[in-house]
N, C-alpha and C. Protein backbone atom coordinates (compact mmCIF):
# COMPACT_ATOMS: atom_id res chain seq x y z
N MET A 1 -28.44 -57.10 -10.12
CA MET A 1 -28.07 -55.81 -9.54
C MET A 1 -26.60 -55.84 -9.13
N SER A 2 -25.98 -54.67 -9.19
CA SER A 2 -24.56 -54.55 -8.85
C SER A 2 -24.39 -54.22 -7.37
N LEU A 3 -23.38 -54.81 -6.76
CA LEU A 3 -23.01 -54.48 -5.39
C LEU A 3 -21.75 -53.62 -5.42
N PHE A 4 -21.65 -52.67 -4.48
CA PHE A 4 -20.52 -51.76 -4.44
C PHE A 4 -19.84 -51.86 -3.08
N HIS A 5 -18.51 -51.82 -3.11
CA HIS A 5 -17.74 -51.93 -1.87
C HIS A 5 -16.61 -50.91 -1.88
N VAL A 6 -16.17 -50.53 -0.69
CA VAL A 6 -14.96 -49.73 -0.52
C VAL A 6 -14.08 -50.43 0.51
N GLU A 7 -12.79 -50.20 0.40
CA GLU A 7 -11.85 -50.82 1.32
C GLU A 7 -11.12 -49.74 2.11
N LEU A 8 -11.00 -49.94 3.39
CA LEU A 8 -10.29 -49.01 4.26
C LEU A 8 -8.96 -49.62 4.67
N THR A 9 -7.95 -48.79 4.78
CA THR A 9 -6.64 -49.26 5.19
C THR A 9 -6.72 -49.95 6.54
N GLY A 10 -6.24 -51.16 6.59
CA GLY A 10 -6.22 -51.90 7.86
C GLY A 10 -7.46 -52.70 8.13
N ALA A 11 -8.52 -52.53 7.32
CA ALA A 11 -9.77 -53.27 7.54
C ALA A 11 -9.59 -54.71 7.08
N SER A 12 -10.26 -55.63 7.76
CA SER A 12 -10.14 -57.05 7.42
C SER A 12 -11.02 -57.44 6.25
N ALA A 13 -12.00 -56.61 5.92
CA ALA A 13 -12.92 -56.92 4.83
C ALA A 13 -13.45 -55.61 4.25
N PRO A 14 -13.86 -55.62 2.98
CA PRO A 14 -14.44 -54.40 2.39
C PRO A 14 -15.81 -54.11 2.96
N TYR A 15 -16.26 -52.87 2.80
CA TYR A 15 -17.56 -52.42 3.29
C TYR A 15 -18.50 -52.22 2.11
N GLU A 16 -19.69 -52.77 2.20
CA GLU A 16 -20.67 -52.56 1.15
C GLU A 16 -21.30 -51.18 1.31
N VAL A 17 -21.45 -50.47 0.21
CA VAL A 17 -22.02 -49.12 0.23
C VAL A 17 -23.04 -48.99 -0.89
N TYR A 18 -23.86 -47.97 -0.79
CA TYR A 18 -24.82 -47.68 -1.84
C TYR A 18 -24.16 -46.89 -2.96
N GLY A 19 -24.36 -47.32 -4.19
CA GLY A 19 -23.97 -46.52 -5.35
C GLY A 19 -22.53 -46.62 -5.79
N GLY A 20 -21.62 -46.73 -4.86
CA GLY A 20 -20.20 -46.79 -5.19
C GLY A 20 -19.51 -45.45 -5.07
N ILE A 21 -18.21 -45.48 -4.81
CA ILE A 21 -17.45 -44.26 -4.56
C ILE A 21 -17.32 -43.40 -5.81
N ALA A 22 -17.22 -44.03 -6.99
CA ALA A 22 -17.11 -43.24 -8.23
C ALA A 22 -18.38 -42.46 -8.49
N ALA A 23 -19.54 -43.11 -8.33
CA ALA A 23 -20.82 -42.43 -8.54
C ALA A 23 -21.03 -41.33 -7.50
N CYS A 24 -20.58 -41.58 -6.28
CA CYS A 24 -20.70 -40.55 -5.23
C CYS A 24 -19.90 -39.31 -5.62
N GLY A 25 -18.68 -39.52 -6.12
CA GLY A 25 -17.86 -38.40 -6.54
C GLY A 25 -18.49 -37.62 -7.69
N ASP A 26 -19.06 -38.33 -8.65
CA ASP A 26 -19.72 -37.67 -9.78
C ASP A 26 -20.94 -36.88 -9.31
N TYR A 27 -21.69 -37.47 -8.39
CA TYR A 27 -22.90 -36.81 -7.89
C TYR A 27 -22.53 -35.51 -7.17
N LEU A 28 -21.54 -35.57 -6.30
CA LEU A 28 -21.19 -34.39 -5.50
C LEU A 28 -20.35 -33.40 -6.28
N LEU A 29 -19.81 -33.81 -7.42
CA LEU A 29 -19.10 -32.88 -8.29
C LEU A 29 -20.04 -31.80 -8.81
N ALA A 30 -21.31 -32.18 -8.96
CA ALA A 30 -22.31 -31.24 -9.49
C ALA A 30 -23.05 -30.50 -8.38
N ALA A 31 -22.73 -30.78 -7.12
CA ALA A 31 -23.41 -30.13 -6.00
C ALA A 31 -22.62 -28.91 -5.54
N SER A 32 -23.33 -27.91 -5.03
CA SER A 32 -22.67 -26.65 -4.66
C SER A 32 -22.68 -26.37 -3.17
N GLY A 33 -23.24 -27.25 -2.38
CA GLY A 33 -23.31 -27.02 -0.94
C GLY A 33 -21.95 -27.11 -0.26
N ALA A 34 -21.91 -26.63 0.98
CA ALA A 34 -20.65 -26.63 1.74
C ALA A 34 -20.12 -28.04 1.94
N GLY A 35 -21.01 -28.99 2.21
CA GLY A 35 -20.57 -30.36 2.43
C GLY A 35 -19.96 -30.96 1.18
N ALA A 36 -20.58 -30.70 0.03
CA ALA A 36 -20.04 -31.22 -1.23
C ALA A 36 -18.66 -30.62 -1.52
N LYS A 37 -18.50 -29.35 -1.22
CA LYS A 37 -17.19 -28.72 -1.43
C LYS A 37 -16.13 -29.34 -0.53
N LYS A 38 -16.50 -29.62 0.71
CA LYS A 38 -15.54 -30.25 1.63
C LYS A 38 -15.22 -31.68 1.19
N TYR A 39 -16.23 -32.37 0.67
CA TYR A 39 -15.99 -33.72 0.16
C TYR A 39 -14.99 -33.68 -0.98
N ARG A 40 -15.20 -32.75 -1.93
CA ARG A 40 -14.31 -32.67 -3.09
C ARG A 40 -12.89 -32.26 -2.71
N ALA A 41 -12.75 -31.57 -1.58
CA ALA A 41 -11.43 -31.13 -1.14
C ALA A 41 -10.61 -32.28 -0.56
N LEU A 42 -11.27 -33.38 -0.25
CA LEU A 42 -10.56 -34.54 0.30
C LEU A 42 -9.83 -35.27 -0.82
N PRO A 43 -8.71 -35.91 -0.51
CA PRO A 43 -7.96 -36.60 -1.57
C PRO A 43 -8.74 -37.77 -2.15
N ALA A 44 -8.81 -37.82 -3.47
CA ALA A 44 -9.47 -38.93 -4.14
C ALA A 44 -8.65 -40.19 -3.95
N GLY A 45 -9.32 -41.30 -3.73
CA GLY A 45 -8.61 -42.56 -3.55
C GLY A 45 -8.15 -42.82 -2.13
N GLY A 46 -8.36 -41.86 -1.24
CA GLY A 46 -7.98 -42.06 0.15
C GLY A 46 -9.13 -42.60 0.98
N ASP A 47 -8.85 -42.86 2.24
CA ASP A 47 -9.88 -43.41 3.12
C ASP A 47 -10.95 -42.39 3.50
N SER A 48 -10.63 -41.11 3.43
CA SER A 48 -11.56 -40.09 3.94
C SER A 48 -12.88 -40.10 3.19
N ARG A 49 -12.83 -40.11 1.86
CA ARG A 49 -14.07 -40.15 1.08
C ARG A 49 -14.81 -41.46 1.30
N ASP A 50 -14.04 -42.56 1.38
CA ASP A 50 -14.66 -43.86 1.61
C ASP A 50 -15.42 -43.88 2.93
N ARG A 51 -14.82 -43.32 3.98
CA ARG A 51 -15.48 -43.30 5.28
C ARG A 51 -16.78 -42.50 5.24
N LEU A 52 -16.78 -41.41 4.50
CA LEU A 52 -17.99 -40.60 4.41
C LEU A 52 -19.11 -41.36 3.70
N LEU A 53 -18.79 -42.10 2.64
CA LEU A 53 -19.82 -42.88 1.96
C LEU A 53 -20.28 -44.04 2.84
N ILE A 54 -19.37 -44.65 3.58
CA ILE A 54 -19.78 -45.68 4.54
C ILE A 54 -20.73 -45.08 5.56
N GLY A 55 -20.39 -43.89 6.04
CA GLY A 55 -21.25 -43.21 7.02
C GLY A 55 -22.60 -42.88 6.43
N GLY A 56 -22.63 -42.39 5.17
CA GLY A 56 -23.90 -42.09 4.52
C GLY A 56 -24.74 -43.33 4.33
N THR A 57 -24.10 -44.44 3.99
CA THR A 57 -24.81 -45.71 3.81
C THR A 57 -25.40 -46.19 5.13
N ARG A 58 -24.61 -46.12 6.18
CA ARG A 58 -25.11 -46.54 7.50
C ARG A 58 -26.26 -45.65 7.95
N TRP A 59 -26.18 -44.38 7.64
CA TRP A 59 -27.24 -43.44 8.01
C TRP A 59 -28.55 -43.84 7.34
N VAL A 60 -28.48 -44.13 6.03
CA VAL A 60 -29.67 -44.56 5.31
C VAL A 60 -30.24 -45.83 5.92
N ASP A 61 -29.39 -46.79 6.19
CA ASP A 61 -29.88 -48.06 6.76
C ASP A 61 -30.47 -47.86 8.15
N ASP A 62 -29.89 -46.97 8.93
CA ASP A 62 -30.45 -46.68 10.26
C ASP A 62 -31.85 -46.08 10.14
N LEU A 63 -32.04 -45.18 9.18
CA LEU A 63 -33.34 -44.55 8.99
C LEU A 63 -34.40 -45.55 8.53
N LEU A 64 -33.96 -46.60 7.85
CA LEU A 64 -34.88 -47.60 7.31
C LEU A 64 -34.92 -48.87 8.15
N ALA A 65 -34.54 -48.75 9.41
CA ALA A 65 -34.41 -49.92 10.27
C ALA A 65 -35.72 -50.68 10.44
N GLY A 66 -36.86 -50.01 10.25
CA GLY A 66 -38.14 -50.69 10.41
C GLY A 66 -38.59 -51.47 9.20
N GLY A 67 -37.87 -51.32 8.08
CA GLY A 67 -38.26 -52.00 6.85
C GLY A 67 -37.80 -53.45 6.82
N VAL A 68 -38.32 -54.19 5.82
CA VAL A 68 -37.96 -55.60 5.66
C VAL A 68 -37.09 -55.73 4.41
N PRO A 69 -35.78 -55.94 4.56
CA PRO A 69 -34.91 -56.06 3.39
C PRO A 69 -35.14 -57.37 2.66
N THR A 70 -34.97 -57.34 1.34
CA THR A 70 -35.13 -58.56 0.54
C THR A 70 -33.80 -59.28 0.35
N HIS A 71 -32.67 -58.58 0.57
CA HIS A 71 -31.33 -59.14 0.35
C HIS A 71 -31.15 -59.61 -1.09
N ALA A 72 -31.85 -58.95 -2.02
CA ALA A 72 -31.75 -59.30 -3.44
C ALA A 72 -30.30 -59.17 -3.91
N GLY A 73 -29.87 -60.13 -4.71
CA GLY A 73 -28.52 -60.09 -5.26
C GLY A 73 -27.43 -60.35 -4.25
N GLY A 74 -27.82 -60.73 -3.03
CA GLY A 74 -26.83 -61.01 -2.00
C GLY A 74 -26.38 -59.79 -1.21
N THR A 75 -27.08 -58.68 -1.34
CA THR A 75 -26.69 -57.48 -0.60
C THR A 75 -26.85 -57.68 0.90
N THR A 76 -26.00 -57.02 1.66
CA THR A 76 -26.11 -57.02 3.12
C THR A 76 -26.82 -55.78 3.63
N LEU A 77 -27.20 -54.88 2.71
CA LEU A 77 -27.81 -53.62 3.10
C LEU A 77 -29.33 -53.76 3.16
N ARG A 78 -30.01 -52.71 3.63
CA ARG A 78 -31.45 -52.79 3.86
C ARG A 78 -32.29 -52.57 2.60
N VAL A 79 -31.70 -51.98 1.60
CA VAL A 79 -32.41 -51.73 0.34
C VAL A 79 -31.81 -52.65 -0.73
N PRO A 80 -32.70 -53.31 -1.51
CA PRO A 80 -34.15 -53.18 -1.66
C PRO A 80 -34.93 -53.73 -0.45
N MET A 81 -36.17 -53.20 -0.30
CA MET A 81 -37.05 -53.63 0.78
C MET A 81 -38.37 -54.11 0.20
N GLU A 82 -39.11 -54.81 1.03
CA GLU A 82 -40.44 -55.25 0.66
C GLU A 82 -41.44 -54.10 0.78
N ASP A 83 -42.51 -54.18 0.00
CA ASP A 83 -43.68 -53.31 0.13
C ASP A 83 -43.40 -51.83 -0.15
N VAL A 84 -42.44 -51.53 -1.00
CA VAL A 84 -42.19 -50.15 -1.41
C VAL A 84 -42.99 -49.87 -2.68
N VAL A 85 -43.73 -48.78 -2.69
CA VAL A 85 -44.59 -48.48 -3.83
C VAL A 85 -44.29 -47.10 -4.38
N ASN A 86 -44.64 -46.92 -5.66
CA ASN A 86 -44.56 -45.62 -6.31
C ASN A 86 -45.75 -44.77 -5.91
N ALA A 87 -45.75 -43.53 -6.38
CA ALA A 87 -46.85 -42.62 -6.05
C ALA A 87 -48.19 -43.13 -6.55
N ASP A 88 -48.18 -43.90 -7.65
CA ASP A 88 -49.44 -44.43 -8.18
C ASP A 88 -49.85 -45.76 -7.56
N GLY A 89 -49.08 -46.21 -6.56
CA GLY A 89 -49.42 -47.45 -5.87
C GLY A 89 -48.81 -48.69 -6.46
N SER A 90 -48.12 -48.57 -7.59
CA SER A 90 -47.47 -49.73 -8.19
C SER A 90 -46.18 -50.07 -7.44
N PRO A 91 -45.77 -51.33 -7.46
CA PRO A 91 -44.53 -51.72 -6.75
C PRO A 91 -43.33 -51.00 -7.34
N MET A 92 -42.46 -50.52 -6.49
CA MET A 92 -41.23 -49.87 -6.94
C MET A 92 -40.17 -50.93 -7.20
N SER A 93 -39.49 -50.85 -8.33
CA SER A 93 -38.48 -51.83 -8.69
C SER A 93 -37.27 -51.74 -7.77
N ASP A 94 -36.51 -52.83 -7.71
CA ASP A 94 -35.28 -52.84 -6.92
C ASP A 94 -34.32 -51.75 -7.40
N ALA A 95 -34.24 -51.58 -8.71
CA ALA A 95 -33.33 -50.58 -9.28
C ALA A 95 -33.71 -49.18 -8.84
N ASP A 96 -35.01 -48.87 -8.85
CA ASP A 96 -35.45 -47.54 -8.43
C ASP A 96 -35.23 -47.34 -6.93
N GLN A 97 -35.46 -48.37 -6.15
CA GLN A 97 -35.19 -48.27 -4.71
C GLN A 97 -33.72 -47.99 -4.45
N LEU A 98 -32.86 -48.72 -5.15
CA LEU A 98 -31.42 -48.54 -4.96
C LEU A 98 -30.95 -47.17 -5.42
N ALA A 99 -31.60 -46.63 -6.45
CA ALA A 99 -31.25 -45.29 -6.92
C ALA A 99 -31.55 -44.26 -5.84
N LEU A 100 -32.68 -44.41 -5.16
CA LEU A 100 -33.03 -43.50 -4.07
C LEU A 100 -32.06 -43.65 -2.91
N ALA A 101 -31.75 -44.89 -2.54
CA ALA A 101 -30.82 -45.13 -1.43
C ALA A 101 -29.45 -44.55 -1.73
N ALA A 102 -28.99 -44.70 -2.99
CA ALA A 102 -27.68 -44.18 -3.37
C ALA A 102 -27.66 -42.66 -3.28
N ARG A 103 -28.70 -42.01 -3.83
CA ARG A 103 -28.77 -40.54 -3.75
C ARG A 103 -28.74 -40.08 -2.30
N ALA A 104 -29.50 -40.75 -1.45
CA ALA A 104 -29.54 -40.37 -0.04
C ALA A 104 -28.19 -40.59 0.62
N ALA A 105 -27.52 -41.69 0.28
CA ALA A 105 -26.20 -41.96 0.86
C ALA A 105 -25.18 -40.91 0.42
N PHE A 106 -25.27 -40.47 -0.85
CA PHE A 106 -24.36 -39.44 -1.34
C PHE A 106 -24.62 -38.11 -0.62
N GLU A 107 -25.90 -37.77 -0.47
CA GLU A 107 -26.23 -36.55 0.27
C GLU A 107 -25.79 -36.67 1.73
N GLY A 108 -25.96 -37.86 2.29
CA GLY A 108 -25.50 -38.09 3.66
C GLY A 108 -24.01 -37.92 3.79
N ALA A 109 -23.26 -38.39 2.78
CA ALA A 109 -21.80 -38.21 2.80
C ALA A 109 -21.44 -36.73 2.83
N ALA A 110 -22.16 -35.93 2.04
CA ALA A 110 -21.90 -34.49 2.03
C ALA A 110 -22.24 -33.85 3.37
N LEU A 111 -23.37 -34.25 3.96
CA LEU A 111 -23.74 -33.72 5.26
C LEU A 111 -22.69 -34.06 6.31
N LEU A 112 -22.17 -35.27 6.25
CA LEU A 112 -21.15 -35.69 7.21
C LEU A 112 -19.82 -35.00 6.95
N ALA A 113 -19.54 -34.66 5.69
CA ALA A 113 -18.33 -33.91 5.39
C ALA A 113 -18.39 -32.53 6.02
N ALA A 114 -19.59 -31.94 6.05
CA ALA A 114 -19.76 -30.61 6.65
C ALA A 114 -19.81 -30.69 8.17
N ASP A 115 -20.37 -31.78 8.70
CA ASP A 115 -20.52 -31.95 10.14
C ASP A 115 -20.45 -33.43 10.45
N GLN A 116 -19.35 -33.88 11.01
CA GLN A 116 -19.15 -35.31 11.23
C GLN A 116 -20.14 -35.90 12.23
N ASP A 117 -20.80 -35.05 13.00
CA ASP A 117 -21.78 -35.52 13.98
C ASP A 117 -23.23 -35.35 13.49
N ALA A 118 -23.41 -35.05 12.21
CA ALA A 118 -24.75 -34.76 11.70
C ALA A 118 -25.71 -35.93 11.91
N ALA A 119 -25.23 -37.14 11.75
CA ALA A 119 -26.11 -38.30 11.87
C ALA A 119 -26.55 -38.54 13.31
N ALA A 120 -25.83 -37.96 14.26
CA ALA A 120 -26.16 -38.16 15.67
C ALA A 120 -27.05 -37.04 16.21
N ALA A 121 -27.38 -36.05 15.37
CA ALA A 121 -28.22 -34.95 15.82
C ALA A 121 -29.58 -35.48 16.25
N VAL A 122 -30.09 -34.98 17.37
CA VAL A 122 -31.36 -35.48 17.90
C VAL A 122 -32.52 -34.58 17.55
N ASP A 123 -32.26 -33.42 16.93
CA ASP A 123 -33.36 -32.48 16.74
C ASP A 123 -33.12 -31.63 15.51
N THR A 124 -34.09 -31.62 14.60
CA THR A 124 -34.03 -30.71 13.45
C THR A 124 -35.18 -29.72 13.52
N GLY A 125 -35.71 -29.51 14.71
CA GLY A 125 -36.82 -28.60 14.89
C GLY A 125 -36.36 -27.16 14.98
N SER A 126 -37.27 -26.30 15.40
CA SER A 126 -36.97 -24.87 15.47
C SER A 126 -37.59 -24.27 16.71
N ASN A 127 -36.87 -23.33 17.30
CA ASN A 127 -37.41 -22.60 18.44
C ASN A 127 -37.97 -21.25 18.02
N LEU A 128 -38.04 -21.02 16.70
CA LEU A 128 -38.55 -19.76 16.18
C LEU A 128 -40.00 -19.57 16.57
N ARG A 129 -40.32 -18.38 17.14
CA ARG A 129 -41.70 -18.09 17.48
C ARG A 129 -42.31 -17.09 16.51
N LYS A 130 -41.50 -16.13 16.04
CA LYS A 130 -42.07 -15.12 15.16
C LYS A 130 -41.03 -14.64 14.16
N LEU A 131 -41.45 -14.54 12.90
CA LEU A 131 -40.61 -14.02 11.84
C LEU A 131 -41.35 -12.87 11.20
N ASP A 132 -40.72 -11.69 11.17
CA ASP A 132 -41.36 -10.50 10.62
C ASP A 132 -40.42 -9.90 9.58
N ALA A 133 -40.83 -9.96 8.32
CA ALA A 133 -39.99 -9.43 7.26
C ALA A 133 -40.81 -8.50 6.38
N GLN A 134 -40.48 -7.23 6.39
CA GLN A 134 -41.12 -6.22 5.54
C GLN A 134 -42.65 -6.26 5.66
N GLY A 135 -43.10 -6.35 6.90
CA GLY A 135 -44.53 -6.29 7.15
C GLY A 135 -45.25 -7.61 7.06
N THR A 136 -44.57 -8.67 6.58
CA THR A 136 -45.17 -10.00 6.53
C THR A 136 -44.71 -10.79 7.74
N SER A 137 -45.66 -11.22 8.55
CA SER A 137 -45.32 -11.86 9.81
C SER A 137 -45.81 -13.30 9.84
N ILE A 138 -44.95 -14.19 10.30
CA ILE A 138 -45.31 -15.58 10.53
C ILE A 138 -45.04 -15.89 11.99
N GLU A 139 -46.06 -16.36 12.70
CA GLU A 139 -45.88 -16.64 14.12
C GLU A 139 -46.29 -18.06 14.43
N PHE A 140 -45.45 -18.72 15.23
CA PHE A 140 -45.71 -20.08 15.65
C PHE A 140 -46.31 -20.07 17.05
N PHE A 141 -47.29 -20.94 17.29
CA PHE A 141 -47.89 -21.03 18.61
C PHE A 141 -46.91 -21.64 19.61
N ARG A 142 -46.07 -22.54 19.13
CA ARG A 142 -45.06 -23.13 20.00
C ARG A 142 -43.93 -23.64 19.13
N PRO A 143 -42.71 -23.75 19.67
CA PRO A 143 -41.60 -24.26 18.87
C PRO A 143 -41.79 -25.74 18.56
N THR A 144 -41.11 -26.19 17.50
CA THR A 144 -41.15 -27.61 17.16
C THR A 144 -39.87 -28.28 17.62
N SER A 145 -39.99 -29.53 18.00
CA SER A 145 -38.84 -30.25 18.52
C SER A 145 -39.02 -31.74 18.30
N ALA A 146 -37.99 -32.40 17.78
CA ALA A 146 -38.05 -33.85 17.63
C ALA A 146 -38.11 -34.51 18.99
N ALA A 147 -37.44 -33.93 19.98
CA ALA A 147 -37.47 -34.50 21.31
C ALA A 147 -38.87 -34.52 21.88
N ASP A 148 -39.68 -33.53 21.49
CA ASP A 148 -41.07 -33.46 21.96
C ASP A 148 -42.04 -34.18 21.02
N GLY A 149 -41.52 -34.70 19.91
CA GLY A 149 -42.38 -35.39 18.96
C GLY A 149 -43.11 -34.48 18.01
N THR A 150 -42.62 -33.26 17.81
CA THR A 150 -43.31 -32.32 16.92
C THR A 150 -42.46 -31.91 15.72
N ALA A 151 -41.35 -32.59 15.49
CA ALA A 151 -40.51 -32.28 14.33
C ALA A 151 -39.77 -33.54 13.90
N SER A 152 -39.27 -33.52 12.67
CA SER A 152 -38.57 -34.67 12.14
C SER A 152 -37.16 -34.77 12.71
N ARG A 153 -36.67 -36.00 12.83
CA ARG A 153 -35.28 -36.24 13.19
C ARG A 153 -34.41 -36.43 11.95
N ILE A 154 -34.98 -36.25 10.78
CA ILE A 154 -34.28 -36.52 9.54
C ILE A 154 -34.04 -35.22 8.79
N PRO A 155 -32.82 -34.96 8.31
CA PRO A 155 -32.60 -33.78 7.48
C PRO A 155 -33.55 -33.79 6.29
N GLY A 156 -34.03 -32.62 5.92
CA GLY A 156 -35.04 -32.51 4.88
C GLY A 156 -34.64 -33.16 3.57
N VAL A 157 -33.37 -33.01 3.16
CA VAL A 157 -32.95 -33.56 1.88
C VAL A 157 -33.05 -35.09 1.89
N LEU A 158 -32.70 -35.71 3.00
CA LEU A 158 -32.79 -37.17 3.07
C LEU A 158 -34.24 -37.62 3.13
N GLU A 159 -35.06 -36.87 3.83
CA GLU A 159 -36.47 -37.25 3.94
C GLU A 159 -37.17 -37.16 2.60
N ARG A 160 -36.88 -36.14 1.82
CA ARG A 160 -37.52 -36.00 0.51
C ARG A 160 -37.12 -37.14 -0.42
N ILE A 161 -35.85 -37.51 -0.41
CA ILE A 161 -35.38 -38.57 -1.29
C ILE A 161 -35.93 -39.93 -0.86
N LEU A 162 -35.93 -40.18 0.44
CA LEU A 162 -36.26 -41.51 0.95
C LEU A 162 -37.73 -41.71 1.26
N ARG A 163 -38.59 -40.73 0.99
CA ARG A 163 -39.99 -40.81 1.43
C ARG A 163 -40.67 -42.14 1.11
N PRO A 164 -40.58 -42.68 -0.12
CA PRO A 164 -41.25 -43.97 -0.37
C PRO A 164 -40.70 -45.10 0.49
N LEU A 165 -39.38 -45.08 0.71
CA LEU A 165 -38.76 -46.12 1.52
C LEU A 165 -39.10 -45.95 3.00
N LEU A 166 -39.17 -44.70 3.44
CA LEU A 166 -39.53 -44.44 4.84
C LEU A 166 -40.97 -44.88 5.11
N ASP A 167 -41.85 -44.63 4.14
CA ASP A 167 -43.24 -45.05 4.31
C ASP A 167 -43.34 -46.57 4.43
N ALA A 168 -42.56 -47.27 3.60
CA ALA A 168 -42.56 -48.73 3.67
C ALA A 168 -41.98 -49.21 4.99
N ALA A 169 -40.92 -48.54 5.45
CA ALA A 169 -40.30 -48.92 6.72
C ALA A 169 -41.24 -48.69 7.89
N ALA A 170 -42.17 -47.73 7.71
CA ALA A 170 -43.14 -47.45 8.77
C ALA A 170 -44.40 -48.29 8.62
N GLY A 171 -44.35 -49.30 7.76
CA GLY A 171 -45.50 -50.17 7.58
C GLY A 171 -46.45 -49.69 6.53
N GLY A 172 -45.99 -48.80 5.63
CA GLY A 172 -46.84 -48.30 4.57
C GLY A 172 -47.74 -47.16 4.99
N ALA A 173 -47.67 -46.78 6.26
CA ALA A 173 -48.50 -45.69 6.74
C ALA A 173 -47.88 -44.36 6.37
N ALA A 174 -48.69 -43.32 6.36
CA ALA A 174 -48.18 -41.98 6.12
C ALA A 174 -47.29 -41.58 7.28
N ALA A 175 -46.43 -40.58 7.04
CA ALA A 175 -45.51 -40.12 8.08
C ALA A 175 -46.28 -39.67 9.31
N GLN A 176 -45.74 -40.03 10.45
CA GLN A 176 -46.39 -39.67 11.71
C GLN A 176 -45.47 -38.76 12.50
N VAL A 177 -46.02 -37.71 13.06
CA VAL A 177 -45.24 -36.81 13.89
C VAL A 177 -44.72 -37.57 15.08
N GLY A 178 -43.42 -37.43 15.34
CA GLY A 178 -42.83 -38.06 16.50
C GLY A 178 -42.18 -39.38 16.22
N SER A 179 -42.41 -40.00 15.05
CA SER A 179 -41.74 -41.24 14.73
C SER A 179 -40.40 -40.91 14.12
N ALA A 180 -39.51 -41.91 14.10
CA ALA A 180 -38.18 -41.67 13.56
C ALA A 180 -38.25 -41.30 12.10
N ALA A 181 -39.30 -41.74 11.41
CA ALA A 181 -39.43 -41.43 10.00
C ALA A 181 -40.45 -40.34 9.76
N GLY A 182 -40.87 -39.66 10.79
CA GLY A 182 -41.96 -38.71 10.66
C GLY A 182 -41.51 -37.30 10.43
N ALA A 183 -42.46 -36.47 10.10
CA ALA A 183 -42.18 -35.06 9.91
C ALA A 183 -43.33 -34.26 10.48
N SER A 184 -43.03 -33.02 10.83
CA SER A 184 -44.07 -32.14 11.34
C SER A 184 -44.46 -31.18 10.23
N TYR A 185 -45.71 -31.19 9.84
CA TYR A 185 -46.17 -30.30 8.78
C TYR A 185 -47.04 -29.21 9.39
N GLY A 186 -46.44 -28.10 9.77
CA GLY A 186 -47.20 -27.00 10.32
C GLY A 186 -47.17 -26.97 11.83
N THR A 187 -48.02 -26.12 12.40
CA THR A 187 -48.02 -25.93 13.84
C THR A 187 -49.44 -26.02 14.37
N CYS A 188 -49.55 -26.03 15.65
CA CYS A 188 -50.85 -26.16 16.27
C CYS A 188 -51.69 -24.91 16.02
N GLY A 189 -52.93 -25.09 15.59
CA GLY A 189 -53.79 -23.96 15.31
C GLY A 189 -54.90 -23.81 16.32
N ASP A 190 -54.84 -24.55 17.42
CA ASP A 190 -55.89 -24.46 18.42
C ASP A 190 -55.91 -23.09 19.07
N SER A 191 -57.07 -22.64 19.42
CA SER A 191 -57.21 -21.35 20.07
C SER A 191 -58.08 -21.49 21.31
N VAL A 192 -57.68 -20.81 22.37
CA VAL A 192 -58.48 -20.87 23.59
C VAL A 192 -59.83 -20.21 23.38
N PHE A 193 -59.94 -19.37 22.34
CA PHE A 193 -61.20 -18.67 22.11
C PHE A 193 -62.25 -19.60 21.52
N GLU A 194 -61.85 -20.82 21.14
CA GLU A 194 -62.83 -21.78 20.70
C GLU A 194 -63.69 -22.27 21.86
N GLU A 195 -63.25 -21.92 23.08
CA GLU A 195 -64.02 -22.27 24.27
C GLU A 195 -64.85 -21.08 24.75
N ARG A 196 -65.18 -20.21 23.80
CA ARG A 196 -65.82 -18.95 24.17
C ARG A 196 -67.16 -19.16 24.88
N ASP A 197 -67.83 -20.31 24.66
CA ASP A 197 -69.12 -20.53 25.31
C ASP A 197 -68.99 -20.60 26.82
N ARG A 198 -67.79 -20.81 27.30
CA ARG A 198 -67.59 -20.88 28.75
C ARG A 198 -67.65 -19.50 29.39
N TYR A 199 -67.49 -18.44 28.57
CA TYR A 199 -67.42 -17.10 29.12
C TYR A 199 -68.77 -16.39 28.94
N VAL A 200 -69.26 -15.78 29.98
CA VAL A 200 -70.53 -15.07 29.92
C VAL A 200 -70.33 -13.66 30.46
N ARG A 201 -71.19 -12.73 29.99
CA ARG A 201 -71.10 -11.35 30.45
C ARG A 201 -71.80 -11.24 31.80
N THR A 202 -71.14 -10.66 32.77
CA THR A 202 -71.70 -10.52 34.11
C THR A 202 -72.06 -9.07 34.43
N GLY A 203 -71.83 -8.17 33.51
CA GLY A 203 -72.15 -6.78 33.77
C GLY A 203 -72.35 -6.02 32.48
N PRO A 204 -72.68 -4.76 32.55
CA PRO A 204 -72.87 -3.97 31.32
C PRO A 204 -71.57 -3.82 30.57
N LEU A 205 -71.66 -3.70 29.25
CA LEU A 205 -70.48 -3.49 28.41
C LEU A 205 -70.06 -2.03 28.48
């Protein structure tokens, strides 16, 4: 497997990154989001793009902190990891794991280009209670919040890409609400009227 590094002006040693700066540029060249546009506006060959890929790489490794790295090929990064499986339960190859990590790091670089504090965000939940559009209404019983353990702390694009790795980092278990690698799928459907047996009629209707 190939290792990729970038060098920053004044740094005493190069930084290992996922995928490499050339592949990151090619990936984001085809992306249309605001972060990708800001990334492309930065000078090629300068430290700015390198820092964003370093940040995206660190973000991926932070999200996978619970996993067990194999250090295959002498890498210092967390991917490849042990116990990562495909959807059919077969072991995922190191190459496929690294492809996912690289994609996530590139997306992370774009997110950081749009918002340099994106990786430090503590909540990707919603306080939306009701959405009414042209007669179609969606209502939530309560807002979702990562701080309350009812929403993911991970941007959706990173979670979708890293799902097999996140599952392995969580011990192979399915995503759990409230964990760093978890997601909230839906809202509470409990109703107080399920306790209707507690209420009795005391007079005529």
